[in-house]
Amino acid sequence: MSASVSSHLRPDLAVIAAHIEPGTRVLDVGCGDGALMAALLGRGCDVRGIEIDGALVETCVARGLSVVQGDADRDLVDYPDHGFDYAVLSQTLQTAERPDLMLSELVRAGRRAFVSFPNFAYWRMRWALLRYGRMPVTRHLPVSWYATQNIHHVTVHDFEALARELGLAIERRWFFTDARELGPGGANWRAEFAVFEVSGGSGAPA
């Protein structure tokens, strides 16, 4: 990825931005403060965002970004089939009420989708749980179990299995620890977080 893209973005957002074609239509679901949207606008993309946090929506609008306040668990169904070239879900899947339904809606709205998430099978989390017997608090998951928005703890293997169940094609995948990209070997225990590019789909599960 180019330094101009990666220098000011979180590693997962940087790799997503670097692999979205300039000039395409993009839907950023759970867009946060709009960092990815701003980077993609700089590459000539037509970017729309949806965000549940009203304060973050105000931040995005103040930056001149096209963002609406909405709940992705319910509002993705309102977007047309393949209305976007890409749909992005960064660090949000684990907060969804039904990650399977959200992922299905994502690939319906976008011809391709990028999904990033913290890997709950990361070895430091396994070790902390084994050693202390308590839900881990880490740099990427800094909130205690009773206050976290993460309600579905997903691993690399879990996501790959869900993609198979939904009939999705995994086009590309990236794995990171800190800001360092890892090879695919042993990613389920070595990676702190993951990014997947997926396409296709046979419909949402019942």
N, C-alpha and C. Protein backbone atom coordinates (compact mmCIF):
# COMPACT_ATOMS: atom_id res chain seq x y z
N MET A 1 0.85 -1.19 0.00
CA MET A 1 0.00 0.00 0.00
C MET A 1 0.88 1.23 0.00
N SER A 2 0.39 2.29 -0.55
CA SER A 2 1.20 3.50 -0.65
C SER A 2 1.29 4.19 0.68
N ALA A 3 2.42 4.89 0.92
CA ALA A 3 2.62 5.60 2.17
C ALA A 3 1.58 6.68 2.36
N SER A 4 1.14 7.31 1.25
CA SER A 4 0.17 8.38 1.35
C SER A 4 -1.17 7.88 1.86
N VAL A 5 -1.49 6.63 1.54
CA VAL A 5 -2.74 6.05 2.01
C VAL A 5 -2.59 5.56 3.44
N SER A 6 -1.47 4.92 3.77
CA SER A 6 -1.32 4.22 5.03
C SER A 6 -0.88 5.10 6.18
N SER A 7 -0.29 6.25 5.92
CA SER A 7 0.38 7.00 6.97
C SER A 7 -0.56 7.52 8.04
N HIS A 8 -1.81 7.79 7.71
CA HIS A 8 -2.71 8.40 8.67
C HIS A 8 -3.91 7.53 9.01
N LEU A 9 -3.92 6.28 8.58
CA LEU A 9 -5.04 5.40 8.82
C LEU A 9 -4.65 4.22 9.70
N ARG A 10 -5.63 3.69 10.42
CA ARG A 10 -5.47 2.44 11.12
C ARG A 10 -5.06 1.36 10.12
N PRO A 11 -4.26 0.36 10.50
CA PRO A 11 -3.78 -0.62 9.51
C PRO A 11 -4.88 -1.30 8.70
N ASP A 12 -6.00 -1.66 9.34
CA ASP A 12 -7.06 -2.32 8.57
C ASP A 12 -7.69 -1.36 7.57
N LEU A 13 -7.88 -0.10 7.97
CA LEU A 13 -8.44 0.88 7.05
C LEU A 13 -7.47 1.19 5.91
N ALA A 14 -6.19 1.19 6.22
CA ALA A 14 -5.19 1.49 5.20
C ALA A 14 -5.18 0.42 4.11
N VAL A 15 -5.26 -0.84 4.51
CA VAL A 15 -5.23 -1.90 3.50
C VAL A 15 -6.53 -1.91 2.69
N ILE A 16 -7.65 -1.57 3.33
CA ILE A 16 -8.91 -1.46 2.60
C ILE A 16 -8.84 -0.33 1.58
N ALA A 17 -8.39 0.85 2.04
CA ALA A 17 -8.30 2.00 1.14
C ALA A 17 -7.40 1.71 -0.05
N ALA A 18 -6.31 0.99 0.19
CA ALA A 18 -5.34 0.72 -0.87
C ALA A 18 -5.88 -0.24 -1.93
N HIS A 19 -6.94 -1.01 -1.58
CA HIS A 19 -7.45 -2.01 -2.52
C HIS A 19 -8.84 -1.67 -3.05
N ILE A 20 -9.31 -0.47 -2.80
CA ILE A 20 -10.55 0.00 -3.42
C ILE A 20 -10.19 0.84 -4.65
N GLU A 21 -10.78 0.49 -5.77
CA GLU A 21 -10.44 1.17 -7.02
C GLU A 21 -10.89 2.63 -6.98
N PRO A 22 -10.04 3.55 -7.44
CA PRO A 22 -10.44 4.96 -7.52
C PRO A 22 -11.69 5.14 -8.38
N GLY A 23 -12.53 6.09 -7.99
CA GLY A 23 -13.70 6.41 -8.77
C GLY A 23 -14.90 5.51 -8.57
N THR A 24 -14.83 4.58 -7.62
CA THR A 24 -15.93 3.64 -7.40
C THR A 24 -16.89 4.17 -6.33
N ARG A 25 -18.06 3.52 -6.25
CA ARG A 25 -19.06 3.87 -5.24
C ARG A 25 -18.85 2.97 -4.02
N VAL A 26 -18.79 3.60 -2.84
CA VAL A 26 -18.45 2.87 -1.61
C VAL A 26 -19.45 3.21 -0.51
N LEU A 27 -19.90 2.18 0.21
CA LEU A 27 -20.72 2.36 1.40
C LEU A 27 -19.89 1.94 2.60
N ASP A 28 -19.66 2.87 3.54
CA ASP A 28 -18.89 2.60 4.75
C ASP A 28 -19.87 2.43 5.91
N VAL A 29 -20.01 1.20 6.38
CA VAL A 29 -20.98 0.87 7.42
C VAL A 29 -20.28 0.91 8.78
N GLY A 30 -20.81 1.75 9.68
CA GLY A 30 -20.12 1.97 10.94
C GLY A 30 -18.87 2.78 10.70
N CYS A 31 -19.05 3.93 10.03
CA CYS A 31 -17.90 4.69 9.49
C CYS A 31 -17.12 5.46 10.55
N GLY A 32 -17.59 5.50 11.79
CA GLY A 32 -16.83 6.18 12.84
C GLY A 32 -16.67 7.66 12.56
N ASP A 33 -15.43 8.13 12.67
CA ASP A 33 -15.17 9.56 12.45
C ASP A 33 -14.95 9.91 10.99
N GLY A 34 -15.10 8.93 10.09
CA GLY A 34 -15.01 9.20 8.66
C GLY A 34 -13.61 9.17 8.09
N ALA A 35 -12.65 8.61 8.83
CA ALA A 35 -11.25 8.61 8.36
C ALA A 35 -11.11 7.89 7.02
N LEU A 36 -11.73 6.71 6.90
CA LEU A 36 -11.64 5.97 5.64
C LEU A 36 -12.36 6.71 4.52
N MET A 37 -13.52 7.27 4.82
CA MET A 37 -14.28 8.01 3.81
C MET A 37 -13.47 9.17 3.25
N ALA A 38 -12.82 9.92 4.13
CA ALA A 38 -12.01 11.06 3.68
C ALA A 38 -10.88 10.60 2.78
N ALA A 39 -10.24 9.48 3.13
CA ALA A 39 -9.15 8.96 2.30
C ALA A 39 -9.66 8.54 0.93
N LEU A 40 -10.84 7.92 0.88
CA LEU A 40 -11.38 7.46 -0.40
C LEU A 40 -11.87 8.63 -1.25
N LEU A 41 -12.41 9.67 -0.62
CA LEU A 41 -12.79 10.86 -1.37
C LEU A 41 -11.58 11.45 -2.08
N GLY A 42 -10.45 11.39 -1.42
CA GLY A 42 -9.21 11.89 -2.02
C GLY A 42 -8.77 11.08 -3.22
N ARG A 43 -9.36 9.90 -3.40
CA ARG A 43 -9.05 9.05 -4.56
C ARG A 43 -10.19 9.06 -5.57
N GLY A 44 -11.09 10.02 -5.42
CA GLY A 44 -12.15 10.18 -6.40
C GLY A 44 -13.33 9.25 -6.25
N CYS A 45 -13.47 8.59 -5.11
CA CYS A 45 -14.59 7.68 -4.89
C CYS A 45 -15.83 8.46 -4.45
N ASP A 46 -16.99 7.90 -4.77
CA ASP A 46 -18.27 8.42 -4.29
C ASP A 46 -18.60 7.61 -3.04
N VAL A 47 -18.43 8.21 -1.85
CA VAL A 47 -18.49 7.47 -0.59
C VAL A 47 -19.67 7.94 0.24
N ARG A 48 -20.44 7.00 0.73
CA ARG A 48 -21.54 7.27 1.66
C ARG A 48 -21.28 6.48 2.94
N GLY A 49 -21.74 7.02 4.06
CA GLY A 49 -21.51 6.35 5.33
C GLY A 49 -22.77 6.24 6.16
N ILE A 50 -22.79 5.24 7.04
CA ILE A 50 -23.85 5.07 8.02
C ILE A 50 -23.18 4.83 9.37
N GLU A 51 -23.66 5.53 10.40
CA GLU A 51 -23.04 5.47 11.73
C GLU A 51 -24.12 5.63 12.79
N ILE A 52 -24.07 4.81 13.84
CA ILE A 52 -25.10 4.85 14.87
C ILE A 52 -24.87 5.94 15.90
N ASP A 53 -23.62 6.34 16.11
CA ASP A 53 -23.26 7.33 17.13
C ASP A 53 -23.49 8.74 16.60
N GLY A 54 -24.43 9.45 17.21
CA GLY A 54 -24.78 10.78 16.73
C GLY A 54 -23.64 11.77 16.76
N ALA A 55 -22.79 11.69 17.79
CA ALA A 55 -21.65 12.61 17.88
C ALA A 55 -20.68 12.37 16.73
N LEU A 56 -20.46 11.10 16.36
CA LEU A 56 -19.57 10.80 15.25
C LEU A 56 -20.19 11.22 13.92
N VAL A 57 -21.50 11.11 13.80
CA VAL A 57 -22.18 11.59 12.59
C VAL A 57 -21.94 13.09 12.44
N GLU A 58 -22.08 13.85 13.53
CA GLU A 58 -21.84 15.29 13.49
C GLU A 58 -20.40 15.59 13.08
N THR A 59 -19.45 14.80 13.60
CA THR A 59 -18.05 14.98 13.22
C THR A 59 -17.87 14.79 11.72
N CYS A 60 -18.49 13.74 11.18
CA CYS A 60 -18.36 13.45 9.74
C CYS A 60 -18.98 14.57 8.90
N VAL A 61 -20.17 14.99 9.29
CA VAL A 61 -20.86 16.03 8.52
C VAL A 61 -20.06 17.32 8.56
N ALA A 62 -19.45 17.63 9.71
CA ALA A 62 -18.63 18.83 9.82
C ALA A 62 -17.41 18.76 8.90
N ARG A 63 -16.99 17.53 8.56
CA ARG A 63 -15.87 17.34 7.65
C ARG A 63 -16.33 17.34 6.19
N GLY A 64 -17.61 17.54 5.97
CA GLY A 64 -18.14 17.55 4.61
C GLY A 64 -18.41 16.18 4.05
N LEU A 65 -18.57 15.16 4.91
CA LEU A 65 -18.79 13.80 4.46
C LEU A 65 -20.29 13.47 4.44
N SER A 66 -20.68 12.61 3.51
CA SER A 66 -22.09 12.24 3.35
C SER A 66 -22.40 11.04 4.24
N VAL A 67 -22.85 11.34 5.47
CA VAL A 67 -23.09 10.30 6.47
C VAL A 67 -24.48 10.48 7.06
N VAL A 68 -25.19 9.37 7.24
CA VAL A 68 -26.48 9.40 7.90
C VAL A 68 -26.40 8.60 9.19
N GLN A 69 -27.22 8.98 10.16
CA GLN A 69 -27.28 8.22 11.39
C GLN A 69 -28.22 7.05 11.20
N GLY A 70 -27.77 5.86 11.54
CA GLY A 70 -28.59 4.68 11.36
C GLY A 70 -28.00 3.49 12.06
N ASP A 71 -28.81 2.47 12.22
CA ASP A 71 -28.44 1.23 12.88
C ASP A 71 -28.24 0.17 11.80
N ALA A 72 -27.01 -0.27 11.63
CA ALA A 72 -26.71 -1.23 10.56
C ALA A 72 -27.43 -2.54 10.75
N ASP A 73 -27.78 -2.91 11.99
CA ASP A 73 -28.52 -4.14 12.22
C ASP A 73 -29.89 -4.11 11.54
N ARG A 74 -30.42 -2.90 11.33
CA ARG A 74 -31.77 -2.78 10.79
C ARG A 74 -31.85 -2.02 9.47
N ASP A 75 -30.93 -1.10 9.24
CA ASP A 75 -31.08 -0.17 8.13
C ASP A 75 -30.39 -0.59 6.84
N LEU A 76 -29.54 -1.59 6.88
CA LEU A 76 -28.87 -2.02 5.65
C LEU A 76 -29.88 -2.56 4.63
N VAL A 77 -30.99 -3.07 5.11
CA VAL A 77 -32.00 -3.63 4.18
C VAL A 77 -32.58 -2.55 3.27
N ASP A 78 -32.43 -1.29 3.64
CA ASP A 78 -33.00 -0.20 2.85
C ASP A 78 -32.13 0.17 1.64
N TYR A 79 -30.92 -0.36 1.58
CA TYR A 79 -30.03 -0.04 0.46
C TYR A 79 -30.29 -0.99 -0.69
N PRO A 80 -30.22 -0.51 -1.93
CA PRO A 80 -30.56 -1.36 -3.10
C PRO A 80 -29.52 -2.44 -3.35
N ASP A 81 -29.94 -3.48 -4.01
CA ASP A 81 -29.03 -4.56 -4.39
C ASP A 81 -27.91 -4.01 -5.27
N HIS A 82 -26.67 -4.31 -4.88
CA HIS A 82 -25.49 -3.89 -5.64
C HIS A 82 -25.54 -2.41 -6.00
N GLY A 83 -26.01 -1.61 -5.05
CA GLY A 83 -26.01 -0.17 -5.25
C GLY A 83 -24.63 0.44 -5.14
N PHE A 84 -23.66 -0.36 -4.65
CA PHE A 84 -22.29 0.12 -4.46
C PHE A 84 -21.32 -0.90 -5.03
N ASP A 85 -20.17 -0.40 -5.45
CA ASP A 85 -19.11 -1.31 -5.90
C ASP A 85 -18.49 -2.04 -4.72
N TYR A 86 -18.35 -1.31 -3.61
CA TYR A 86 -17.77 -1.89 -2.39
C TYR A 86 -18.61 -1.48 -1.18
N ALA A 87 -18.77 -2.40 -0.24
CA ALA A 87 -19.31 -2.09 1.08
C ALA A 87 -18.24 -2.45 2.10
N VAL A 88 -18.08 -1.61 3.11
CA VAL A 88 -17.02 -1.78 4.10
C VAL A 88 -17.63 -1.90 5.48
N LEU A 89 -17.15 -2.87 6.25
CA LEU A 89 -17.56 -3.06 7.64
C LEU A 89 -16.29 -3.25 8.46
N SER A 90 -15.82 -2.17 9.08
CA SER A 90 -14.54 -2.22 9.79
C SER A 90 -14.75 -2.21 11.30
N GLN A 91 -14.25 -3.27 11.94
CA GLN A 91 -14.29 -3.40 13.40
C GLN A 91 -15.71 -3.26 13.95
N THR A 92 -16.68 -3.78 13.21
CA THR A 92 -18.09 -3.63 13.59
C THR A 92 -18.82 -4.97 13.65
N LEU A 93 -18.35 -5.97 12.90
CA LEU A 93 -19.07 -7.24 12.81
C LEU A 93 -19.35 -7.85 14.18
N GLN A 94 -18.38 -7.75 15.09
CA GLN A 94 -18.52 -8.37 16.41
C GLN A 94 -19.53 -7.65 17.30
N THR A 95 -19.98 -6.46 16.88
CA THR A 95 -20.98 -5.71 17.64
C THR A 95 -22.39 -5.94 17.11
N ALA A 96 -22.52 -6.65 16.02
CA ALA A 96 -23.83 -6.85 15.39
C ALA A 96 -24.69 -7.81 16.20
N GLU A 97 -26.01 -7.60 16.16
CA GLU A 97 -26.93 -8.54 16.80
C GLU A 97 -26.86 -9.90 16.12
N ARG A 98 -26.85 -9.90 14.79
CA ARG A 98 -26.73 -11.12 14.00
C ARG A 98 -25.67 -10.90 12.94
N PRO A 99 -24.40 -11.22 13.23
CA PRO A 99 -23.34 -11.01 12.25
C PRO A 99 -23.60 -11.71 10.92
N ASP A 100 -24.25 -12.85 10.94
CA ASP A 100 -24.53 -13.56 9.69
C ASP A 100 -25.47 -12.76 8.79
N LEU A 101 -26.51 -12.18 9.39
CA LEU A 101 -27.44 -11.38 8.60
C LEU A 101 -26.79 -10.09 8.11
N MET A 102 -25.98 -9.47 8.97
CA MET A 102 -25.32 -8.23 8.56
C MET A 102 -24.36 -8.49 7.41
N LEU A 103 -23.61 -9.59 7.47
CA LEU A 103 -22.69 -9.90 6.39
C LEU A 103 -23.44 -10.19 5.09
N SER A 104 -24.57 -10.87 5.18
CA SER A 104 -25.38 -11.12 3.99
C SER A 104 -25.88 -9.82 3.36
N GLU A 105 -26.32 -8.89 4.21
CA GLU A 105 -26.79 -7.60 3.69
C GLU A 105 -25.63 -6.81 3.09
N LEU A 106 -24.47 -6.94 3.67
CA LEU A 106 -23.30 -6.22 3.17
C LEU A 106 -22.97 -6.64 1.74
N VAL A 107 -22.94 -7.94 1.48
CA VAL A 107 -22.59 -8.41 0.14
C VAL A 107 -23.76 -8.27 -0.83
N ARG A 108 -24.95 -8.04 -0.32
CA ARG A 108 -26.07 -7.72 -1.20
C ARG A 108 -25.99 -6.27 -1.67
N ALA A 109 -25.64 -5.37 -0.74
CA ALA A 109 -25.57 -3.94 -1.08
C ALA A 109 -24.33 -3.61 -1.92
N GLY A 110 -23.25 -4.32 -1.69
CA GLY A 110 -22.01 -4.06 -2.42
C GLY A 110 -21.62 -5.25 -3.27
N ARG A 111 -21.06 -4.99 -4.44
CA ARG A 111 -20.61 -6.09 -5.30
C ARG A 111 -19.47 -6.85 -4.65
N ARG A 112 -18.66 -6.11 -3.88
CA ARG A 112 -17.63 -6.72 -3.05
C ARG A 112 -17.67 -6.06 -1.68
N ALA A 113 -17.17 -6.76 -0.67
CA ALA A 113 -17.20 -6.21 0.67
C ALA A 113 -15.86 -6.45 1.36
N PHE A 114 -15.46 -5.46 2.16
CA PHE A 114 -14.30 -5.59 3.03
C PHE A 114 -14.80 -5.65 4.47
N VAL A 115 -14.30 -6.62 5.22
CA VAL A 115 -14.69 -6.79 6.61
C VAL A 115 -13.42 -6.94 7.45
N SER A 116 -13.31 -6.12 8.51
CA SER A 116 -12.20 -6.29 9.46
C SER A 116 -12.77 -6.50 10.85
N PHE A 117 -12.04 -7.24 11.68
CA PHE A 117 -12.51 -7.54 13.02
C PHE A 117 -11.34 -7.97 13.91
N PRO A 118 -11.47 -7.77 15.23
CA PRO A 118 -10.45 -8.29 16.15
C PRO A 118 -10.60 -9.81 16.24
N ASN A 119 -9.47 -10.50 16.27
CA ASN A 119 -9.46 -11.96 16.31
C ASN A 119 -9.41 -12.42 17.77
N PHE A 120 -10.50 -12.98 18.24
CA PHE A 120 -10.58 -13.37 19.64
C PHE A 120 -9.79 -14.65 19.94
N ALA A 121 -9.21 -15.27 18.91
CA ALA A 121 -8.35 -16.44 19.13
C ALA A 121 -6.87 -16.06 19.19
N TYR A 122 -6.56 -14.76 19.15
CA TYR A 122 -5.18 -14.29 19.23
C TYR A 122 -4.51 -14.87 20.49
N TRP A 123 -3.25 -15.27 20.34
CA TRP A 123 -2.61 -16.05 21.40
C TRP A 123 -2.51 -15.30 22.74
N ARG A 124 -2.35 -13.98 22.69
CA ARG A 124 -2.28 -13.24 23.96
C ARG A 124 -3.62 -13.29 24.70
N MET A 125 -4.71 -13.29 23.96
CA MET A 125 -6.02 -13.40 24.60
C MET A 125 -6.22 -14.80 25.17
N ARG A 126 -5.78 -15.80 24.43
CA ARG A 126 -5.88 -17.17 24.94
C ARG A 126 -5.08 -17.32 26.23
N TRP A 127 -3.86 -16.76 26.23
CA TRP A 127 -3.00 -16.89 27.39
C TRP A 127 -3.57 -16.16 28.60
N ALA A 128 -4.09 -14.95 28.38
CA ALA A 128 -4.66 -14.18 29.48
C ALA A 128 -5.86 -14.90 30.09
N LEU A 129 -6.70 -15.49 29.24
CA LEU A 129 -7.86 -16.22 29.74
C LEU A 129 -7.43 -17.46 30.50
N LEU A 130 -6.42 -18.17 29.99
CA LEU A 130 -5.92 -19.36 30.66
C LEU A 130 -5.27 -19.02 31.99
N ARG A 131 -4.48 -17.93 32.01
CA ARG A 131 -3.71 -17.59 33.21
C ARG A 131 -4.58 -16.99 34.31
N TYR A 132 -5.45 -16.07 33.91
CA TYR A 132 -6.21 -15.33 34.93
C TYR A 132 -7.66 -15.80 35.06
N GLY A 133 -8.17 -16.52 34.06
CA GLY A 133 -9.53 -17.00 34.13
C GLY A 133 -10.58 -15.91 34.00
N ARG A 134 -10.19 -14.77 33.39
CA ARG A 134 -11.11 -13.65 33.21
C ARG A 134 -11.06 -13.19 31.75
N MET A 135 -12.14 -12.57 31.28
CA MET A 135 -12.15 -12.07 29.91
C MET A 135 -11.05 -11.02 29.76
N PRO A 136 -10.20 -11.18 28.73
CA PRO A 136 -9.05 -10.30 28.59
C PRO A 136 -9.43 -8.86 28.23
N VAL A 137 -8.62 -7.93 28.68
CA VAL A 137 -8.67 -6.54 28.25
C VAL A 137 -7.34 -6.25 27.56
N THR A 138 -7.39 -5.85 26.28
CA THR A 138 -6.18 -5.67 25.49
C THR A 138 -6.16 -4.28 24.86
N ARG A 139 -5.07 -4.01 24.16
CA ARG A 139 -4.94 -2.72 23.47
C ARG A 139 -6.06 -2.50 22.46
N HIS A 140 -6.40 -3.56 21.71
CA HIS A 140 -7.44 -3.44 20.69
C HIS A 140 -8.84 -3.71 21.25
N LEU A 141 -8.92 -4.30 22.43
CA LEU A 141 -10.20 -4.56 23.09
C LEU A 141 -10.08 -4.03 24.52
N PRO A 142 -10.09 -2.71 24.69
CA PRO A 142 -9.70 -2.10 25.96
C PRO A 142 -10.81 -2.01 27.00
N VAL A 143 -12.00 -2.51 26.71
CA VAL A 143 -13.14 -2.33 27.61
C VAL A 143 -13.48 -3.66 28.29
N SER A 144 -13.82 -3.61 29.56
CA SER A 144 -14.16 -4.81 30.31
C SER A 144 -15.41 -5.47 29.74
N TRP A 145 -15.55 -6.75 30.01
CA TRP A 145 -16.61 -7.56 29.41
C TRP A 145 -18.01 -6.99 29.64
N TYR A 146 -18.24 -6.36 30.78
CA TYR A 146 -19.57 -5.87 31.11
C TYR A 146 -19.91 -4.55 30.43
N ALA A 147 -18.91 -3.88 29.85
CA ALA A 147 -19.15 -2.58 29.22
C ALA A 147 -18.89 -2.59 27.72
N THR A 148 -18.36 -3.68 27.20
CA THR A 148 -17.98 -3.72 25.79
C THR A 148 -19.19 -3.78 24.87
N GLN A 149 -19.03 -3.24 23.67
CA GLN A 149 -20.04 -3.37 22.62
C GLN A 149 -19.90 -4.68 21.86
N ASN A 150 -18.82 -5.41 22.10
CA ASN A 150 -18.57 -6.66 21.39
C ASN A 150 -19.43 -7.76 22.00
N ILE A 151 -20.42 -8.22 21.25
CA ILE A 151 -21.34 -9.22 21.79
C ILE A 151 -21.19 -10.58 21.12
N HIS A 152 -20.42 -10.66 20.03
CA HIS A 152 -20.14 -11.93 19.37
C HIS A 152 -18.63 -12.02 19.14
N HIS A 153 -17.99 -12.94 19.84
CA HIS A 153 -16.54 -13.06 19.77
C HIS A 153 -16.16 -13.94 18.59
N VAL A 154 -15.64 -13.31 17.54
CA VAL A 154 -15.36 -14.00 16.29
C VAL A 154 -13.86 -14.23 16.13
N THR A 155 -13.51 -15.37 15.55
CA THR A 155 -12.11 -15.69 15.24
C THR A 155 -11.94 -15.78 13.73
N VAL A 156 -10.70 -15.87 13.29
CA VAL A 156 -10.42 -16.03 11.86
C VAL A 156 -11.13 -17.27 11.31
N HIS A 157 -11.02 -18.38 12.05
CA HIS A 157 -11.67 -19.61 11.58
C HIS A 157 -13.19 -19.48 11.58
N ASP A 158 -13.74 -18.79 12.57
CA ASP A 158 -15.19 -18.57 12.61
C ASP A 158 -15.66 -17.81 11.37
N PHE A 159 -14.93 -16.74 11.03
CA PHE A 159 -15.34 -15.94 9.87
C PHE A 159 -15.25 -16.75 8.59
N GLU A 160 -14.18 -17.50 8.43
CA GLU A 160 -14.03 -18.32 7.22
C GLU A 160 -15.16 -19.35 7.12
N ALA A 161 -15.56 -19.93 8.26
CA ALA A 161 -16.65 -20.90 8.26
C ALA A 161 -17.98 -20.21 7.91
N LEU A 162 -18.20 -19.00 8.44
CA LEU A 162 -19.42 -18.27 8.12
C LEU A 162 -19.47 -17.91 6.64
N ALA A 163 -18.35 -17.51 6.08
CA ALA A 163 -18.31 -17.20 4.65
C ALA A 163 -18.71 -18.42 3.83
N ARG A 164 -18.22 -19.59 4.20
CA ARG A 164 -18.59 -20.82 3.48
C ARG A 164 -20.09 -21.08 3.61
N GLU A 165 -20.64 -20.90 4.82
CA GLU A 165 -22.07 -21.15 5.04
C GLU A 165 -22.94 -20.23 4.19
N LEU A 166 -22.48 -19.00 4.00
CA LEU A 166 -23.24 -18.02 3.22
C LEU A 166 -22.96 -18.10 1.73
N GLY A 167 -22.06 -18.98 1.33
CA GLY A 167 -21.73 -19.12 -0.09
C GLY A 167 -20.89 -17.98 -0.61
N LEU A 168 -20.10 -17.33 0.25
CA LEU A 168 -19.28 -16.22 -0.17
C LEU A 168 -17.92 -16.71 -0.67
N ALA A 169 -17.37 -15.97 -1.61
CA ALA A 169 -16.00 -16.21 -2.06
C ALA A 169 -15.08 -15.26 -1.30
N ILE A 170 -14.05 -15.81 -0.67
CA ILE A 170 -13.03 -14.99 -0.03
C ILE A 170 -11.99 -14.65 -1.09
N GLU A 171 -11.97 -13.39 -1.49
CA GLU A 171 -11.08 -12.96 -2.56
C GLU A 171 -9.65 -12.74 -2.06
N ARG A 172 -9.54 -12.05 -0.93
CA ARG A 172 -8.23 -11.76 -0.35
C ARG A 172 -8.37 -11.66 1.15
N ARG A 173 -7.25 -11.82 1.86
CA ARG A 173 -7.26 -11.70 3.31
C ARG A 173 -5.92 -11.17 3.78
N TRP A 174 -5.96 -10.40 4.86
CA TRP A 174 -4.75 -9.82 5.46
C TRP A 174 -4.84 -9.99 6.97
N PHE A 175 -3.68 -10.18 7.58
CA PHE A 175 -3.62 -10.39 9.03
C PHE A 175 -2.57 -9.48 9.64
N PHE A 176 -2.88 -8.94 10.82
CA PHE A 176 -1.99 -7.98 11.46
C PHE A 176 -1.83 -8.27 12.95
N THR A 177 -0.65 -7.98 13.45
CA THR A 177 -0.40 -7.84 14.88
C THR A 177 0.31 -6.52 15.06
N ASP A 178 -0.20 -5.69 15.96
CA ASP A 178 0.21 -4.28 16.02
C ASP A 178 -0.06 -3.70 14.62
N ALA A 179 0.90 -3.04 14.02
CA ALA A 179 0.72 -2.52 12.66
C ALA A 179 1.47 -3.38 11.65
N ARG A 180 1.94 -4.54 12.08
CA ARG A 180 2.78 -5.39 11.24
C ARG A 180 1.92 -6.44 10.55
N GLU A 181 2.04 -6.51 9.23
CA GLU A 181 1.29 -7.51 8.46
C GLU A 181 1.96 -8.86 8.59
N LEU A 182 1.15 -9.91 8.77
CA LEU A 182 1.64 -11.27 8.95
C LEU A 182 1.34 -12.10 7.71
N GLY A 183 2.07 -13.19 7.56
CA GLY A 183 1.72 -14.17 6.55
C GLY A 183 0.52 -14.97 7.01
N PRO A 184 -0.07 -15.76 6.11
CA PRO A 184 -1.30 -16.49 6.45
C PRO A 184 -1.11 -17.66 7.39
N GLY A 185 0.10 -18.17 7.52
CA GLY A 185 0.33 -19.34 8.35
C GLY A 185 0.01 -19.10 9.82
N GLY A 186 -0.86 -19.94 10.39
CA GLY A 186 -1.20 -19.82 11.80
C GLY A 186 -1.91 -18.55 12.18
N ALA A 187 -2.61 -17.94 11.22
CA ALA A 187 -3.23 -16.64 11.47
C ALA A 187 -4.26 -16.70 12.59
N ASN A 188 -4.92 -17.84 12.79
CA ASN A 188 -5.98 -17.90 13.79
C ASN A 188 -5.45 -17.67 15.20
N TRP A 189 -4.17 -17.99 15.44
CA TRP A 189 -3.62 -17.73 16.77
C TRP A 189 -2.59 -16.60 16.77
N ARG A 190 -2.03 -16.26 15.60
CA ARG A 190 -0.99 -15.25 15.54
C ARG A 190 -1.52 -13.84 15.30
N ALA A 191 -2.68 -13.72 14.66
CA ALA A 191 -3.17 -12.41 14.24
C ALA A 191 -4.01 -11.74 15.33
N GLU A 192 -3.74 -10.46 15.56
CA GLU A 192 -4.52 -9.68 16.50
C GLU A 192 -5.83 -9.23 15.86
N PHE A 193 -5.78 -8.91 14.57
CA PHE A 193 -7.00 -8.61 13.83
C PHE A 193 -6.83 -8.99 12.37
N ALA A 194 -7.96 -9.10 11.67
CA ALA A 194 -7.96 -9.62 10.31
C ALA A 194 -8.80 -8.72 9.41
N VAL A 195 -8.48 -8.76 8.11
CA VAL A 195 -9.25 -8.06 7.08
C VAL A 195 -9.54 -9.07 5.97
N PHE A 196 -10.80 -9.16 5.56
CA PHE A 196 -11.18 -10.05 4.46
C PHE A 196 -11.89 -9.25 3.38
N GLU A 197 -11.63 -9.60 2.13
CA GLU A 197 -12.42 -9.12 1.00
C GLU A 197 -13.25 -10.29 0.50
N VAL A 198 -14.57 -10.10 0.44
CA VAL A 198 -15.46 -11.19 0.05
C VAL A 198 -16.40 -10.73 -1.06
N SER A 199 -16.97 -11.68 -1.76
CA SER A 199 -17.93 -11.38 -2.82
C SER A 199 -18.93 -12.52 -2.92
N GLY A 200 -20.03 -12.24 -3.66
CA GLY A 200 -21.01 -13.27 -3.92
C GLY A 200 -21.92 -13.50 -2.74
N GLY A 201 -22.56 -14.65 -2.72
CA GLY A 201 -23.46 -14.98 -1.62
C GLY A 201 -24.71 -15.65 -2.12
N SER A 202 -25.21 -16.57 -1.32
CA SER A 202 -26.41 -17.33 -1.70
C SER A 202 -27.63 -16.91 -0.90
N GLY A 203 -27.54 -15.74 -0.25
CA GLY A 203 -28.70 -15.27 0.50
C GLY A 203 -28.51 -15.39 1.98
N ALA A 204 -29.30 -14.62 2.74
CA ALA A 204 -29.19 -14.62 4.19
C ALA A 204 -29.76 -15.89 4.77
N PRO A 205 -29.17 -16.36 5.89
CA PRO A 205 -29.73 -17.53 6.56
C PRO A 205 -31.04 -17.18 7.23
N ALA A 206 -31.83 -18.19 7.49
CA ALA A 206 -33.13 -17.95 8.15
C ALA A 206 -32.92 -17.61 9.62
